[in-house]
Amino acid sequence: MIKRKKLLIGLILLLCISLMTGCSKLLSFISSDAEGSKMSKKILVCLENDDSEGIESMLCDITKSSPDTDEEIVAALKFFDGKVT
């Protein structure tokens, strides 16, 4: 009987601790949807303004070091014709 009470108290304590720390607002949370939306808007602005350096600045180091990166950015700028609304 005493073991059951200790086990029950331990489980309740563990549950309370995990619930209190699971969704803390003190920890910064970055939403992938929000970040994706920000990056999409930034890419569209760069495409609209023919800003190849802006697009290149958003790429990772591995992609930047690819020999075809500059050509692909120029092709994307040529493909994109118009204004963003």
PDB file of N, CA and C in Angstrom:
ATOM      1  N   MET A   1       0.810  -1.181   0.000  1.00  0.00           N
ATOM      2  CA  MET A   1       0.000   0.000   0.000  1.00  0.00           C
ATOM      3  C   MET A   1       0.864   1.260   0.000  1.00  0.00           C
ATOM      4  N   ILE A   2       1.932   1.244   0.791  1.00  0.00           N
ATOM      5  CA  ILE A   2       2.830   2.388   0.877  1.00  0.00           C
ATOM      6  C   ILE A   2       3.568   2.560  -0.456  1.00  0.00           C
ATOM      7  N   LYS A   3       3.921   1.449  -1.121  1.00  0.00           N
ATOM      8  CA  LYS A   3       4.616   1.516  -2.406  1.00  0.00           C
ATOM      9  C   LYS A   3       3.708   2.151  -3.450  1.00  0.00           C
ATOM     10  N   ARG A   4       2.425   1.825  -3.423  1.00  0.00           N
ATOM     11  CA  ARG A   4       1.473   2.396  -4.380  1.00  0.00           C
ATOM     12  C   ARG A   4       1.350   3.902  -4.185  1.00  0.00           C
ATOM     13  N   LYS A   5       1.295   4.345  -2.943  1.00  0.00           N
ATOM     14  CA  LYS A   5       1.192   5.776  -2.671  1.00  0.00           C
ATOM     15  C   LYS A   5       2.440   6.511  -3.139  1.00  0.00           C
ATOM     16  N   LYS A   6       3.606   5.948  -2.858  1.00  0.00           N
ATOM     17  CA  LYS A   6       4.854   6.562  -3.290  1.00  0.00           C
ATOM     18  C   LYS A   6       4.917   6.602  -4.820  1.00  0.00           C
ATOM     19  N   LEU A   7       4.517   5.525  -5.461  1.00  0.00           N
ATOM     20  CA  LEU A   7       4.510   5.470  -6.917  1.00  0.00           C
ATOM     21  C   LEU A   7       3.520   6.483  -7.495  1.00  0.00           C
ATOM     22  N   LEU A   8       2.345   6.571  -6.918  1.00  0.00           N
ATOM     23  CA  LEU A   8       1.333   7.515  -7.373  1.00  0.00           C
ATOM     24  C   LEU A   8       1.804   8.958  -7.192  1.00  0.00           C
ATOM     25  N   ILE A   9       2.374   9.263  -6.052  1.00  0.00           N
ATOM     26  CA  ILE A   9       2.884  10.610  -5.791  1.00  0.00           C
ATOM     27  C   ILE A   9       4.024  10.937  -6.755  1.00  0.00           C
ATOM     28  N   GLY A  10       4.895   9.963  -6.983  1.00  0.00           N
ATOM     29  CA  GLY A  10       5.999  10.161  -7.921  1.00  0.00           C
ATOM     30  C   GLY A  10       5.510  10.421  -9.338  1.00  0.00           C
ATOM     31  N   LEU A  11       4.522   9.667  -9.786  1.00  0.00           N
ATOM     32  CA  LEU A  11       3.967   9.853 -11.128  1.00  0.00           C
ATOM     33  C   LEU A  11       3.260  11.206 -11.265  1.00  0.00           C
ATOM     34  N   ILE A  12       2.521  11.587 -10.239  1.00  0.00           N
ATOM     35  CA  ILE A  12       1.840  12.892 -10.273  1.00  0.00           C
ATOM     36  C   ILE A  12       2.869  14.017 -10.288  1.00  0.00           C
ATOM     37  N   LEU A  13       3.917  13.892  -9.496  1.00  0.00           N
ATOM     38  CA  LEU A  13       4.976  14.892  -9.474  1.00  0.00           C
ATOM     39  C   LEU A  13       5.672  14.982 -10.829  1.00  0.00           C
ATOM     40  N   LEU A  14       5.967  13.864 -11.429  1.00  0.00           N
ATOM     41  CA  LEU A  14       6.595  13.826 -12.748  1.00  0.00           C
ATOM     42  C   LEU A  14       5.689  14.455 -13.803  1.00  0.00           C
ATOM     43  N   LEU A  15       4.409  14.169 -13.742  1.00  0.00           N
ATOM     44  CA  LEU A  15       3.442  14.739 -14.670  1.00  0.00           C
ATOM     45  C   LEU A  15       3.363  16.253 -14.515  1.00  0.00           C
ATOM     46  N   CYS A  16       3.324  16.719 -13.271  1.00  0.00           N
ATOM     47  CA  CYS A  16       3.258  18.167 -13.023  1.00  0.00           C
ATOM     48  C   CYS A  16       4.509  18.868 -13.534  1.00  0.00           C
ATOM     49  N   ILE A  17       5.660  18.290 -13.304  1.00  0.00           N
ATOM     50  CA  ILE A  17       6.912  18.894 -13.757  1.00  0.00           C
ATOM     51  C   ILE A  17       6.964  18.947 -15.279  1.00  0.00           C
ATOM     52  N   SER A  18       6.567  17.862 -15.929  1.00  0.00           N
ATOM     53  CA  SER A  18       6.619  17.847 -17.391  1.00  0.00           C
ATOM     54  C   SER A  18       5.603  18.797 -18.007  1.00  0.00           C
ATOM     55  N   LEU A  19       4.447  18.985 -17.384  1.00  0.00           N
ATOM     56  CA  LEU A  19       3.445  19.908 -17.910  1.00  0.00           C
ATOM     57  C   LEU A  19       3.850  21.361 -17.708  1.00  0.00           C
ATOM     58  N   MET A  20       4.513  21.650 -16.599  1.00  0.00           N
ATOM     59  CA  MET A  20       4.904  23.027 -16.316  1.00  0.00           C
ATOM     60  C   MET A  20       6.059  23.482 -17.183  1.00  0.00           C
ATOM     61  N   THR A  21       6.935  22.597 -17.594  1.00  0.00           N
ATOM     62  CA  THR A  21       8.106  22.998 -18.381  1.00  0.00           C
ATOM     63  C   THR A  21       7.920  22.773 -19.877  1.00  0.00           C
ATOM     64  N   GLY A  22       6.889  22.097 -20.281  1.00  0.00           N
ATOM     65  CA  GLY A  22       6.717  21.745 -21.695  1.00  0.00           C
ATOM     66  C   GLY A  22       6.431  22.903 -22.608  1.00  0.00           C
ATOM     67  N   CYS A  23       5.637  23.845 -22.219  1.00  0.00           N
ATOM     68  CA  CYS A  23       5.235  24.946 -23.091  1.00  0.00           C
ATOM     69  C   CYS A  23       5.560  26.281 -22.460  1.00  0.00           C
ATOM     70  N   SER A  24       6.734  26.415 -21.994  1.00  0.00           N
ATOM     71  CA  SER A  24       7.137  27.639 -21.324  1.00  0.00           C
ATOM     72  C   SER A  24       7.315  28.770 -22.329  1.00  0.00           C
ATOM     73  N   LYS A  25       6.832  29.958 -21.994  1.00  0.00           N
ATOM     74  CA  LYS A  25       7.001  31.120 -22.856  1.00  0.00           C
ATOM     75  C   LYS A  25       8.383  31.730 -22.684  1.00  0.00           C
ATOM     76  N   LEU A  26       9.123  31.277 -21.701  1.00  0.00           N
ATOM     77  CA  LEU A  26      10.463  31.790 -21.501  1.00  0.00           C
ATOM     78  C   LEU A  26      11.413  31.291 -22.570  1.00  0.00           C
ATOM     79  N   LEU A  27      11.141  30.129 -23.101  1.00  0.00           N
ATOM     80  CA  LEU A  27      11.981  29.575 -24.155  1.00  0.00           C
ATOM     81  C   LEU A  27      11.531  30.146 -25.484  1.00  0.00           C
ATOM     82  N   SER A  28      12.478  30.511 -26.324  1.00  0.00           N
ATOM     83  CA  SER A  28      12.101  31.067 -27.624  1.00  0.00           C
ATOM     84  C   SER A  28      11.756  29.919 -28.569  1.00  0.00           C
ATOM     85  N   PHE A  29      10.635  30.067 -29.240  1.00  0.00           N
ATOM     86  CA  PHE A  29      10.158  29.063 -30.180  1.00  0.00           C
ATOM     87  C   PHE A  29      10.074  29.708 -31.550  1.00  0.00           C
ATOM     88  N   ILE A  30      10.712  29.097 -32.532  1.00  0.00           N
ATOM     89  CA  ILE A  30      10.681  29.620 -33.888  1.00  0.00           C
ATOM     90  C   ILE A  30       9.773  28.723 -34.710  1.00  0.00           C
ATOM     91  N   SER A  31       8.690  29.302 -35.185  1.00  0.00           N
ATOM     92  CA  SER A  31       7.743  28.562 -36.003  1.00  0.00           C
ATOM     93  C   SER A  31       8.313  28.417 -37.412  1.00  0.00           C
ATOM     94  N   SER A  32       8.345  27.196 -37.912  1.00  0.00           N
ATOM     95  CA  SER A  32       8.860  26.981 -39.266  1.00  0.00           C
ATOM     96  C   SER A  32       7.960  27.643 -40.304  1.00  0.00           C
ATOM     97  N   ASP A  33       6.668  27.723 -40.032  1.00  0.00           N
ATOM     98  CA  ASP A  33       5.750  28.400 -40.953  1.00  0.00           C
ATOM     99  C   ASP A  33       6.058  29.894 -41.016  1.00  0.00           C
ATOM    100  N   ALA A  34       6.270  30.498 -39.874  1.00  0.00           N
ATOM    101  CA  ALA A  34       6.560  31.933 -39.832  1.00  0.00           C
ATOM    102  C   ALA A  34       7.905  32.235 -40.497  1.00  0.00           C
ATOM    103  N   GLU A  35       8.913  31.419 -40.225  1.00  0.00           N
ATOM    104  CA  GLU A  35      10.227  31.620 -40.836  1.00  0.00           C
ATOM    105  C   GLU A  35      10.161  31.421 -42.342  1.00  0.00           C
ATOM    106  N   GLY A  36       9.423  30.392 -42.773  1.00  0.00           N
ATOM    107  CA  GLY A  36       9.267  30.144 -44.205  1.00  0.00           C
ATOM    108  C   GLY A  36       8.566  31.297 -44.896  1.00  0.00           C
ATOM    109  N   SER A  37       7.573  31.859 -44.249  1.00  0.00           N
ATOM    110  CA  SER A  37       6.847  33.000 -44.808  1.00  0.00           C
ATOM    111  C   SER A  37       7.765  34.211 -44.928  1.00  0.00           C
ATOM    112  N   LYS A  38       8.583  34.462 -43.902  1.00  0.00           N
ATOM    113  CA  LYS A  38       9.525  35.589 -43.950  1.00  0.00           C
ATOM    114  C   LYS A  38      10.531  35.425 -45.082  1.00  0.00           C
ATOM    115  N   MET A  39      11.079  34.205 -45.203  1.00  0.00           N
ATOM    116  CA  MET A  39      12.076  33.962 -46.243  1.00  0.00           C
ATOM    117  C   MET A  39      11.453  34.051 -47.633  1.00  0.00           C
ATOM    118  N   SER A  40      10.223  33.573 -47.785  1.00  0.00           N
ATOM    119  CA  SER A  40       9.547  33.655 -49.076  1.00  0.00           C
ATOM    120  C   SER A  40       9.354  35.105 -49.495  1.00  0.00           C
ATOM    121  N   LYS A  41       8.935  35.940 -48.552  1.00  0.00           N
ATOM    122  CA  LYS A  41       8.750  37.358 -48.855  1.00  0.00           C
ATOM    123  C   LYS A  41      10.075  38.011 -49.228  1.00  0.00           C
ATOM    124  N   LYS A  42      11.137  37.651 -48.518  1.00  0.00           N
ATOM    125  CA  LYS A  42      12.446  38.222 -48.806  1.00  0.00           C
ATOM    126  C   LYS A  42      12.933  37.788 -50.193  1.00  0.00           C
ATOM    127  N   ILE A  43      12.713  36.526 -50.549  1.00  0.00           N
ATOM    128  CA  ILE A  43      13.106  36.037 -51.869  1.00  0.00           C
ATOM    129  C   ILE A  43      12.321  36.753 -52.959  1.00  0.00           C
ATOM    130  N   LEU A  44      11.021  36.934 -52.748  1.00  0.00           N
ATOM    131  CA  LEU A  44      10.198  37.625 -53.747  1.00  0.00           C
ATOM    132  C   LEU A  44      10.645  39.074 -53.933  1.00  0.00           C
ATOM    133  N   VAL A  45      11.012  39.751 -52.855  1.00  0.00           N
ATOM    134  CA  VAL A  45      11.514  41.122 -52.957  1.00  0.00           C
ATOM    135  C   VAL A  45      12.817  41.135 -53.750  1.00  0.00           C
ATOM    136  N   CYS A  46      13.688  40.179 -53.470  1.00  0.00           N
ATOM    137  CA  CYS A  46      14.959  40.101 -54.205  1.00  0.00           C
ATOM    138  C   CYS A  46      14.719  39.809 -55.684  1.00  0.00           C
ATOM    139  N   LEU A  47      13.796  38.929 -55.994  1.00  0.00           N
ATOM    140  CA  LEU A  47      13.488  38.637 -57.386  1.00  0.00           C
ATOM    141  C   LEU A  47      12.898  39.852 -58.094  1.00  0.00           C
ATOM    142  N   GLU A  48      12.029  40.562 -57.406  1.00  0.00           N
ATOM    143  CA  GLU A  48      11.390  41.734 -57.997  1.00  0.00           C
ATOM    144  C   GLU A  48      12.407  42.840 -58.281  1.00  0.00           C
ATOM    145  N   ASN A  49      13.400  42.970 -57.421  1.00  0.00           N
ATOM    146  CA  ASN A  49      14.406  44.034 -57.559  1.00  0.00           C
ATOM    147  C   ASN A  49      15.675  43.568 -58.267  1.00  0.00           C
ATOM    148  N   ASP A  50      15.667  42.380 -58.837  1.00  0.00           N
ATOM    149  CA  ASP A  50      16.852  41.794 -59.508  1.00  0.00           C
ATOM    150  C   ASP A  50      18.086  41.841 -58.598  1.00  0.00           C
ATOM    151  N   ASP A  51      17.901  41.442 -57.356  1.00  0.00           N
ATOM    152  CA  ASP A  51      18.960  41.474 -56.345  1.00  0.00           C
ATOM    153  C   ASP A  51      19.577  40.085 -56.198  1.00  0.00           C
ATOM    154  N   SER A  52      20.571  39.789 -57.035  1.00  0.00           N
ATOM    155  CA  SER A  52      21.200  38.469 -56.974  1.00  0.00           C
ATOM    156  C   SER A  52      22.020  38.293 -55.698  1.00  0.00           C
ATOM    157  N   GLU A  53      22.614  39.384 -55.207  1.00  0.00           N
ATOM    158  CA  GLU A  53      23.401  39.298 -53.972  1.00  0.00           C
ATOM    159  C   GLU A  53      22.511  39.005 -52.775  1.00  0.00           C
ATOM    160  N   GLY A  54      21.304  39.551 -52.770  1.00  0.00           N
ATOM    161  CA  GLY A  54      20.359  39.280 -51.687  1.00  0.00           C
ATOM    162  C   GLY A  54      19.943  37.820 -51.652  1.00  0.00           C
ATOM    163  N   ILE A  55      19.711  37.261 -52.837  1.00  0.00           N
ATOM    164  CA  ILE A  55      19.349  35.836 -52.902  1.00  0.00           C
ATOM    165  C   ILE A  55      20.520  34.982 -52.455  1.00  0.00           C
ATOM    166  N   GLU A  56      21.711  35.333 -52.923  1.00  0.00           N
ATOM    167  CA  GLU A  56      22.893  34.553 -52.564  1.00  0.00           C
ATOM    168  C   GLU A  56      23.177  34.619 -51.062  1.00  0.00           C
ATOM    169  N   SER A  57      22.845  35.727 -50.428  1.00  0.00           N
ATOM    170  CA  SER A  57      23.105  35.864 -48.991  1.00  0.00           C
ATOM    171  C   SER A  57      22.214  34.937 -48.157  1.00  0.00           C
ATOM    172  N   MET A  58      21.108  34.475 -48.728  1.00  0.00           N
ATOM    173  CA  MET A  58      20.217  33.575 -47.996  1.00  0.00           C
ATOM    174  C   MET A  58      20.608  32.109 -48.137  1.00  0.00           C
ATOM    175  N   LEU A  59      21.551  31.817 -49.010  1.00  0.00           N
ATOM    176  CA  LEU A  59      21.954  30.431 -49.241  1.00  0.00           C
ATOM    177  C   LEU A  59      22.985  29.971 -48.216  1.00  0.00           C
ATOM    178  N   CYS A  60      23.019  28.667 -47.995  1.00  0.00           N
ATOM    179  CA  CYS A  60      24.018  28.107 -47.072  1.00  0.00           C
ATOM    180  C   CYS A  60      25.386  28.066 -47.765  1.00  0.00           C
ATOM    181  N   ASP A  61      26.432  27.856 -46.993  1.00  0.00           N
ATOM    182  CA  ASP A  61      27.800  27.859 -47.529  1.00  0.00           C
ATOM    183  C   ASP A  61      28.012  26.783 -48.581  1.00  0.00           C
ATOM    184  N   ILE A  62      27.418  25.624 -48.390  1.00  0.00           N
ATOM    185  CA  ILE A  62      27.593  24.525 -49.344  1.00  0.00           C
ATOM    186  C   ILE A  62      26.972  24.894 -50.684  1.00  0.00           C
ATOM    187  N   THR A  63      25.790  25.480 -50.663  1.00  0.00           N
ATOM    188  CA  THR A  63      25.129  25.878 -51.903  1.00  0.00           C
ATOM    189  C   THR A  63      25.875  27.024 -52.566  1.00  0.00           C
ATOM    190  N   LYS A  64      26.382  27.956 -51.774  1.00  0.00           N
ATOM    191  CA  LYS A  64      27.149  29.074 -52.334  1.00  0.00           C
ATOM    192  C   LYS A  64      28.403  28.593 -53.049  1.00  0.00           C
ATOM    193  N   SER A  65      29.018  27.529 -52.554  1.00  0.00           N
ATOM    194  CA  SER A  65      30.266  27.045 -53.145  1.00  0.00           C
ATOM    195  C   SER A  65      30.042  26.231 -54.418  1.00  0.00           C
ATOM    196  N   SER A  66      28.802  25.930 -54.739  1.00  0.00           N
ATOM    197  CA  SER A  66      28.502  25.193 -55.965  1.00  0.00           C
ATOM    198  C   SER A  66      28.852  26.056 -57.177  1.00  0.00           C
ATOM    199  N   PRO A  67      29.469  25.472 -58.200  1.00  0.00           N
ATOM    200  CA  PRO A  67      29.860  26.275 -59.370  1.00  0.00           C
ATOM    201  C   PRO A  67      28.671  26.794 -60.188  1.00  0.00           C
ATOM    202  N   ASP A  68      27.515  26.191 -60.065  1.00  0.00           N
ATOM    203  CA  ASP A  68      26.353  26.587 -60.855  1.00  0.00           C
ATOM    204  C   ASP A  68      25.438  27.573 -60.141  1.00  0.00           C
ATOM    205  N   THR A  69      25.749  27.957 -58.940  1.00  0.00           N
ATOM    206  CA  THR A  69      24.854  28.794 -58.141  1.00  0.00           C
ATOM    207  C   THR A  69      24.571  30.136 -58.813  1.00  0.00           C
ATOM    208  N   ASP A  70      25.619  30.800 -59.277  1.00  0.00           N
ATOM    209  CA  ASP A  70      25.427  32.108 -59.907  1.00  0.00           C
ATOM    210  C   ASP A  70      24.573  32.008 -61.164  1.00  0.00           C
ATOM    211  N   GLU A  71      24.815  30.975 -61.948  1.00  0.00           N
ATOM    212  CA  GLU A  71      24.028  30.786 -63.173  1.00  0.00           C
ATOM    213  C   GLU A  71      22.561  30.514 -62.859  1.00  0.00           C
ATOM    214  N   GLU A  72      22.311  29.749 -61.832  1.00  0.00           N
ATOM    215  CA  GLU A  72      20.933  29.434 -61.445  1.00  0.00           C
ATOM    216  C   GLU A  72      20.209  30.669 -60.904  1.00  0.00           C
ATOM    217  N   ILE A  73      20.917  31.512 -60.179  1.00  0.00           N
ATOM    218  CA  ILE A  73      20.314  32.744 -59.676  1.00  0.00           C
ATOM    219  C   ILE A  73      19.969  33.665 -60.843  1.00  0.00           C
ATOM    220  N   VAL A  74      20.886  33.801 -61.803  1.00  0.00           N
ATOM    221  CA  VAL A  74      20.626  34.636 -62.982  1.00  0.00           C
ATOM    222  C   VAL A  74      19.439  34.085 -63.768  1.00  0.00           C
ATOM    223  N   ALA A  75      19.360  32.770 -63.912  1.00  0.00           N
ATOM    224  CA  ALA A  75      18.232  32.156 -64.620  1.00  0.00           C
ATOM    225  C   ALA A  75      16.916  32.423 -63.891  1.00  0.00           C
ATOM    226  N   ALA A  76      16.939  32.373 -62.572  1.00  0.00           N
ATOM    227  CA  ALA A  76      15.728  32.652 -61.792  1.00  0.00           C
ATOM    228  C   ALA A  76      15.311  34.107 -61.950  1.00  0.00           C
ATOM    229  N   LEU A  77      16.281  35.019 -61.966  1.00  0.00           N
ATOM    230  CA  LEU A  77      15.970  36.435 -62.146  1.00  0.00           C
ATOM    231  C   LEU A  77      15.398  36.701 -63.537  1.00  0.00           C
ATOM    232  N   LYS A  78      15.917  36.006 -64.543  1.00  0.00           N
ATOM    233  CA  LYS A  78      15.388  36.158 -65.906  1.00  0.00           C
ATOM    234  C   LYS A  78      13.979  35.563 -65.998  1.00  0.00           C
ATOM    235  N   PHE A  79      13.753  34.452 -65.316  1.00  0.00           N
ATOM    236  CA  PHE A  79      12.455  33.788 -65.361  1.00  0.00           C
ATOM    237  C   PHE A  79      11.367  34.628 -64.696  1.00  0.00           C
ATOM    238  N   PHE A  80      11.716  35.265 -63.589  1.00  0.00           N
ATOM    239  CA  PHE A  80      10.754  36.049 -62.832  1.00  0.00           C
ATOM    240  C   PHE A  80      10.543  37.376 -63.548  1.00  0.00           C
ATOM    241  N   ASP A  81       9.339  37.580 -64.030  1.00  0.00           N
ATOM    242  CA  ASP A  81       9.023  38.804 -64.749  1.00  0.00           C
ATOM    243  C   ASP A  81       7.754  39.379 -64.178  1.00  0.00           C
ATOM    244  N   GLY A  82       7.835  40.546 -63.590  1.00  0.00           N
ATOM    245  CA  GLY A  82       6.641  41.147 -63.040  1.00  0.00           C
ATOM    246  C   GLY A  82       6.865  41.755 -61.687  1.00  0.00           C
ATOM    247  N   LYS A  83       5.774  42.161 -61.101  1.00  0.00           N
ATOM    248  CA  LYS A  83       5.812  42.779 -59.791  1.00  0.00           C
ATOM    249  C   LYS A  83       5.040  41.908 -58.800  1.00  0.00           C
ATOM    250  N   VAL A  84       5.444  41.970 -57.564  1.00  0.00           N
ATOM    251  CA  VAL A  84       4.794  41.212 -56.488  1.00  0.00           C
ATOM    252  C   VAL A  84       3.679  42.081 -55.919  1.00  0.00           C
ATOM    253  N   THR A  85       2.492  41.502 -55.816  1.00  0.00           N
ATOM    254  CA  THR A  85       1.387  42.238 -55.205  1.00  0.00           C
ATOM    255  C   THR A  85       0.968  41.580 -53.930  1.00  0.00           C
TER     256      THR A  85
END
